[in-house]
């Protein structure tokens, strides 16, 4: 498989999404818009400190961004990075489809 910088660029996104807590946080931000740490921890057993660390991993991967509203720090989804990762997965899926089609043609000969 040829090297593709787009896939390499998506690697941190997939690494960040490899944790159930971070997936839950991302889902909450997708559904609820910009949310504070307090809102993200409500009803969970996870501490605010742990949520902050997970959000920083997501931010480092470019999946979320923060902003200040008064004294409150709000976090929101950065959808462009998810779109890039989806395009990488689509490209990989297309390559698999092509490889399977070649295998099918070979087997049917």
N, C-alpha and C. Protein backbone atom coordinates (compact mmCIF):
# COMPACT_ATOMS: atom_id res chain seq x y z
N UNK A 1 0.85 -1.17 0.00
CA UNK A 1 0.00 0.00 0.00
C UNK A 1 0.90 1.24 0.00
N UNK A 2 0.60 2.14 -0.87
CA UNK A 2 1.40 3.35 -1.00
C UNK A 2 1.20 4.25 0.21
N UNK A 3 2.23 4.99 0.52
CA UNK A 3 2.11 5.95 1.62
C UNK A 3 1.20 7.08 1.18
N UNK A 4 0.37 7.52 2.11
CA UNK A 4 -0.55 8.60 1.81
C UNK A 4 -0.52 9.57 2.98
N UNK A 5 -0.05 10.80 2.76
CA UNK A 5 0.02 11.77 3.85
C UNK A 5 -1.33 12.04 4.52
N UNK A 6 -2.43 11.93 3.77
CA UNK A 6 -3.75 12.15 4.37
C UNK A 6 -4.03 11.10 5.44
N UNK A 7 -3.64 9.86 5.18
CA UNK A 7 -3.85 8.81 6.18
C UNK A 7 -2.98 9.05 7.39
N UNK A 8 -1.75 9.48 7.14
CA UNK A 8 -0.86 9.78 8.26
C UNK A 8 -1.40 10.94 9.08
N UNK A 9 -2.00 11.90 8.41
CA UNK A 9 -2.58 13.04 9.11
C UNK A 9 -3.78 12.62 9.96
N UNK A 10 -4.48 11.57 9.53
CA UNK A 10 -5.65 11.10 10.25
C UNK A 10 -5.30 10.18 11.42
N UNK A 11 -4.09 9.69 11.48
CA UNK A 11 -3.70 8.75 12.53
C UNK A 11 -3.95 9.29 13.94
N UNK A 12 -3.61 10.55 14.25
CA UNK A 12 -3.90 11.05 15.60
C UNK A 12 -5.40 11.09 15.90
N UNK A 13 -6.21 11.29 14.89
CA UNK A 13 -7.66 11.31 15.09
C UNK A 13 -8.11 9.92 15.52
N UNK A 14 -7.66 8.89 14.79
CA UNK A 14 -8.07 7.53 15.13
C UNK A 14 -7.53 7.12 16.50
N UNK A 15 -6.32 7.55 16.82
CA UNK A 15 -5.76 7.24 18.14
C UNK A 15 -6.59 7.89 19.24
N UNK A 16 -6.99 9.13 19.03
CA UNK A 16 -7.80 9.84 20.04
C UNK A 16 -9.16 9.18 20.19
N UNK A 17 -9.71 8.65 19.11
CA UNK A 17 -11.02 8.02 19.15
C UNK A 17 -10.98 6.59 19.70
N UNK A 18 -9.79 6.11 19.99
CA UNK A 18 -9.63 4.75 20.48
C UNK A 18 -9.90 4.58 21.96
N UNK A 19 -10.55 5.54 22.57
CA UNK A 19 -10.86 5.48 24.00
C UNK A 19 -12.36 5.72 24.18
N UNK A 20 -13.01 4.87 24.96
CA UNK A 20 -14.46 4.95 25.14
C UNK A 20 -14.89 6.28 25.77
N UNK A 21 -14.12 6.78 26.71
CA UNK A 21 -14.48 8.06 27.35
C UNK A 21 -14.42 9.19 26.34
N UNK A 22 -13.38 9.21 25.52
CA UNK A 22 -13.28 10.27 24.52
C UNK A 22 -14.39 10.16 23.47
N UNK A 23 -14.76 8.94 23.12
CA UNK A 23 -15.88 8.77 22.18
C UNK A 23 -17.17 9.31 22.80
N UNK A 24 -17.37 9.03 24.08
CA UNK A 24 -18.57 9.53 24.76
C UNK A 24 -18.58 11.05 24.79
N UNK A 25 -17.43 11.64 25.08
CA UNK A 25 -17.33 13.11 25.11
C UNK A 25 -17.62 13.70 23.73
N UNK A 26 -17.06 13.09 22.71
CA UNK A 26 -17.28 13.57 21.35
C UNK A 26 -18.75 13.45 20.96
N UNK A 27 -19.38 12.34 21.34
CA UNK A 27 -20.81 12.16 21.06
C UNK A 27 -21.64 13.22 21.77
N UNK A 28 -21.27 13.53 23.01
CA UNK A 28 -22.00 14.57 23.75
C UNK A 28 -21.86 15.92 23.07
N UNK A 29 -20.67 16.22 22.58
CA UNK A 29 -20.46 17.49 21.89
C UNK A 29 -21.18 17.53 20.55
N UNK A 30 -21.29 16.39 19.89
CA UNK A 30 -22.04 16.32 18.62
C UNK A 30 -23.51 16.61 18.87
N UNK A 31 -24.02 16.08 19.96
CA UNK A 31 -25.45 16.19 20.25
C UNK A 31 -25.81 17.51 20.94
N UNK A 32 -24.89 18.02 21.76
CA UNK A 32 -25.25 19.14 22.61
C UNK A 32 -24.63 20.47 22.28
N UNK A 33 -23.83 20.54 21.22
CA UNK A 33 -23.16 21.80 20.91
C UNK A 33 -22.06 22.07 21.91
N UNK A 34 -21.72 23.35 22.10
CA UNK A 34 -20.65 23.74 23.02
C UNK A 34 -21.08 23.45 24.45
N UNK A 35 -20.22 22.74 25.18
CA UNK A 35 -20.53 22.35 26.56
C UNK A 35 -19.35 22.63 27.47
N UNK A 36 -19.66 22.90 28.72
CA UNK A 36 -18.62 23.12 29.74
C UNK A 36 -18.19 21.77 30.32
N UNK A 37 -17.11 21.80 31.07
CA UNK A 37 -16.63 20.59 31.77
C UNK A 37 -17.72 20.10 32.72
N UNK A 38 -18.36 21.02 33.42
CA UNK A 38 -19.41 20.65 34.37
C UNK A 38 -20.54 19.93 33.65
N UNK A 39 -20.93 20.44 32.49
CA UNK A 39 -22.00 19.80 31.73
C UNK A 39 -21.58 18.43 31.21
N UNK A 40 -20.32 18.30 30.85
CA UNK A 40 -19.82 17.03 30.32
C UNK A 40 -19.67 15.97 31.41
N UNK A 41 -19.52 16.38 32.65
CA UNK A 41 -19.34 15.41 33.73
C UNK A 41 -20.64 15.09 34.47
N UNK A 42 -21.68 15.86 34.24
CA UNK A 42 -22.95 15.62 34.91
C UNK A 42 -23.46 14.22 34.61
N UNK A 43 -23.79 13.49 35.68
CA UNK A 43 -24.33 12.14 35.53
C UNK A 43 -23.31 11.07 35.23
N UNK A 44 -22.03 11.40 35.35
CA UNK A 44 -20.99 10.40 35.10
C UNK A 44 -20.14 10.22 36.35
N UNK A 45 -19.37 9.17 36.36
CA UNK A 45 -18.46 8.91 37.48
C UNK A 45 -17.07 9.48 37.22
N UNK A 46 -16.88 10.08 36.07
CA UNK A 46 -15.56 10.60 35.71
C UNK A 46 -15.36 11.99 36.32
N UNK A 47 -14.15 12.25 36.75
CA UNK A 47 -13.86 13.55 37.38
C UNK A 47 -13.68 14.63 36.33
N UNK A 48 -13.82 15.86 36.78
CA UNK A 48 -13.61 16.99 35.87
C UNK A 48 -12.17 17.01 35.37
N UNK A 49 -11.24 16.66 36.24
CA UNK A 49 -9.83 16.63 35.85
C UNK A 49 -9.61 15.59 34.74
N UNK A 50 -10.22 14.43 34.88
CA UNK A 50 -10.07 13.39 33.85
C UNK A 50 -10.70 13.84 32.54
N UNK A 51 -11.87 14.47 32.61
CA UNK A 51 -12.52 14.97 31.39
C UNK A 51 -11.64 16.01 30.72
N UNK A 52 -11.04 16.89 31.51
CA UNK A 52 -10.15 17.90 30.95
C UNK A 52 -9.00 17.25 30.21
N UNK A 53 -8.40 16.22 30.78
CA UNK A 53 -7.29 15.53 30.12
C UNK A 53 -7.75 14.87 28.82
N UNK A 54 -8.92 14.24 28.84
CA UNK A 54 -9.44 13.61 27.63
C UNK A 54 -9.75 14.67 26.56
N UNK A 55 -10.31 15.78 26.96
CA UNK A 55 -10.60 16.85 26.02
C UNK A 55 -9.32 17.40 25.40
N UNK A 56 -8.26 17.45 26.18
CA UNK A 56 -6.99 17.94 25.64
C UNK A 56 -6.45 16.99 24.58
N UNK A 57 -6.61 15.69 24.78
CA UNK A 57 -6.20 14.71 23.76
C UNK A 57 -7.02 14.93 22.48
N UNK A 58 -8.32 15.13 22.65
CA UNK A 58 -9.18 15.40 21.49
C UNK A 58 -8.79 16.70 20.80
N UNK A 59 -8.44 17.71 21.60
CA UNK A 59 -8.01 19.00 21.03
C UNK A 59 -6.69 18.85 20.29
N UNK A 60 -5.75 18.10 20.85
CA UNK A 60 -4.46 17.88 20.19
C UNK A 60 -4.64 17.17 18.84
N UNK A 61 -5.67 16.34 18.75
CA UNK A 61 -5.96 15.65 17.49
C UNK A 61 -6.78 16.52 16.54
N UNK A 62 -7.18 17.70 17.01
CA UNK A 62 -7.94 18.63 16.18
C UNK A 62 -9.43 18.33 16.12
N UNK A 63 -9.92 17.51 17.05
CA UNK A 63 -11.33 17.12 17.03
C UNK A 63 -12.25 18.06 17.78
N UNK A 64 -11.71 18.79 18.73
CA UNK A 64 -12.50 19.75 19.50
C UNK A 64 -11.70 21.04 19.66
N UNK A 65 -12.42 22.09 19.99
CA UNK A 65 -11.76 23.36 20.29
C UNK A 65 -12.47 23.97 21.49
N UNK A 66 -11.76 24.82 22.17
CA UNK A 66 -12.34 25.46 23.34
C UNK A 66 -12.43 26.97 23.14
N UNK A 67 -13.31 27.56 23.88
CA UNK A 67 -13.45 29.02 23.89
C UNK A 67 -13.93 29.41 25.28
N UNK A 68 -13.73 30.65 25.60
CA UNK A 68 -14.13 31.14 26.91
C UNK A 68 -15.38 31.98 26.78
N UNK A 69 -16.33 31.71 27.66
CA UNK A 69 -17.53 32.52 27.76
C UNK A 69 -17.58 32.98 29.21
N UNK A 70 -17.13 34.21 29.42
CA UNK A 70 -16.97 34.69 30.79
C UNK A 70 -15.87 33.91 31.47
N UNK A 71 -16.19 33.31 32.61
CA UNK A 71 -15.20 32.51 33.34
C UNK A 71 -15.31 31.03 33.00
N UNK A 72 -16.20 30.69 32.09
CA UNK A 72 -16.45 29.30 31.76
C UNK A 72 -15.79 28.92 30.44
N UNK A 73 -15.13 27.80 30.46
CA UNK A 73 -14.48 27.27 29.26
C UNK A 73 -15.45 26.30 28.59
N UNK A 74 -15.79 26.59 27.34
CA UNK A 74 -16.70 25.74 26.59
C UNK A 74 -15.94 24.96 25.52
N UNK A 75 -16.37 23.74 25.31
CA UNK A 75 -15.74 22.86 24.33
C UNK A 75 -16.76 22.54 23.25
N UNK A 76 -16.29 22.50 22.00
CA UNK A 76 -17.18 22.15 20.90
C UNK A 76 -16.44 21.33 19.86
N UNK A 77 -17.23 20.60 19.10
CA UNK A 77 -16.72 19.73 18.06
C UNK A 77 -16.07 20.54 16.95
N UNK A 78 -14.98 20.02 16.40
CA UNK A 78 -14.34 20.57 15.21
C UNK A 78 -14.58 19.55 14.10
N UNK A 79 -15.66 19.69 13.33
CA UNK A 79 -16.07 18.63 12.41
C UNK A 79 -15.14 18.38 11.23
N UNK A 80 -14.32 19.34 10.87
CA UNK A 80 -13.47 19.15 9.69
C UNK A 80 -12.49 17.99 9.86
N UNK A 81 -11.99 17.78 11.06
CA UNK A 81 -11.06 16.66 11.28
C UNK A 81 -11.77 15.32 11.16
N UNK A 82 -13.01 15.25 11.60
CA UNK A 82 -13.78 14.02 11.43
C UNK A 82 -14.05 13.76 9.95
N UNK A 83 -14.32 14.82 9.21
CA UNK A 83 -14.54 14.68 7.77
C UNK A 83 -13.28 14.16 7.08
N UNK A 84 -12.11 14.68 7.47
CA UNK A 84 -10.85 14.20 6.89
C UNK A 84 -10.65 12.71 7.19
N UNK A 85 -10.92 12.33 8.44
CA UNK A 85 -10.76 10.93 8.83
C UNK A 85 -11.73 10.05 8.05
N UNK A 86 -12.97 10.52 7.87
CA UNK A 86 -13.95 9.76 7.09
C UNK A 86 -13.47 9.57 5.66
N UNK A 87 -12.91 10.62 5.07
CA UNK A 87 -12.40 10.50 3.70
C UNK A 87 -11.25 9.49 3.64
N UNK A 88 -10.42 9.45 4.66
CA UNK A 88 -9.34 8.45 4.70
C UNK A 88 -9.93 7.04 4.74
N UNK A 89 -10.94 6.85 5.58
CA UNK A 89 -11.59 5.53 5.66
C UNK A 89 -12.27 5.17 4.34
N UNK A 90 -12.87 6.15 3.69
CA UNK A 90 -13.50 5.90 2.39
C UNK A 90 -12.45 5.46 1.36
N UNK A 91 -11.28 6.08 1.38
CA UNK A 91 -10.21 5.71 0.44
C UNK A 91 -9.72 4.29 0.73
N UNK A 92 -9.58 3.96 2.00
CA UNK A 92 -9.16 2.60 2.36
C UNK A 92 -10.21 1.59 1.94
N UNK A 93 -11.48 1.92 2.17
CA UNK A 93 -12.57 1.03 1.78
C UNK A 93 -12.58 0.81 0.27
N UNK A 94 -12.33 1.86 -0.49
CA UNK A 94 -12.29 1.73 -1.95
C UNK A 94 -11.15 0.81 -2.38
N UNK A 95 -10.00 0.93 -1.72
CA UNK A 95 -8.88 0.04 -2.05
C UNK A 95 -9.23 -1.41 -1.73
N UNK A 96 -9.90 -1.63 -0.59
CA UNK A 96 -10.30 -2.99 -0.24
C UNK A 96 -11.29 -3.54 -1.26
N UNK A 97 -12.24 -2.70 -1.68
CA UNK A 97 -13.21 -3.13 -2.69
C UNK A 97 -12.51 -3.53 -3.97
N UNK A 98 -11.52 -2.75 -4.39
CA UNK A 98 -10.76 -3.07 -5.60
C UNK A 98 -9.98 -4.37 -5.43
N UNK A 99 -9.37 -4.55 -4.27
CA UNK A 99 -8.60 -5.77 -4.02
C UNK A 99 -9.51 -7.00 -4.01
N UNK A 100 -10.69 -6.87 -3.40
CA UNK A 100 -11.63 -7.99 -3.37
C UNK A 100 -12.16 -8.30 -4.77
N UNK A 101 -12.38 -7.27 -5.57
CA UNK A 101 -12.83 -7.49 -6.95
C UNK A 101 -11.76 -8.23 -7.75
N UNK A 102 -10.49 -7.85 -7.54
CA UNK A 102 -9.39 -8.55 -8.24
C UNK A 102 -9.33 -10.01 -7.80
N UNK A 103 -9.49 -10.24 -6.49
CA UNK A 103 -9.47 -11.61 -5.97
C UNK A 103 -10.63 -12.42 -6.54
N UNK A 104 -11.80 -11.82 -6.62
CA UNK A 104 -12.97 -12.50 -7.18
C UNK A 104 -12.72 -12.89 -8.63
N UNK A 105 -12.18 -11.96 -9.42
CA UNK A 105 -11.88 -12.25 -10.81
C UNK A 105 -10.87 -13.39 -10.92
N UNK A 106 -9.86 -13.39 -10.07
CA UNK A 106 -8.84 -14.44 -10.07
C UNK A 106 -9.46 -15.80 -9.74
N UNK A 107 -10.29 -15.84 -8.72
CA UNK A 107 -10.89 -17.08 -8.28
C UNK A 107 -11.86 -17.63 -9.33
N UNK A 108 -12.57 -16.75 -10.00
CA UNK A 108 -13.55 -17.17 -11.00
C UNK A 108 -12.91 -17.64 -12.30
N UNK A 109 -11.64 -17.42 -12.51
CA UNK A 109 -10.97 -17.88 -13.73
C UNK A 109 -10.80 -19.36 -13.76
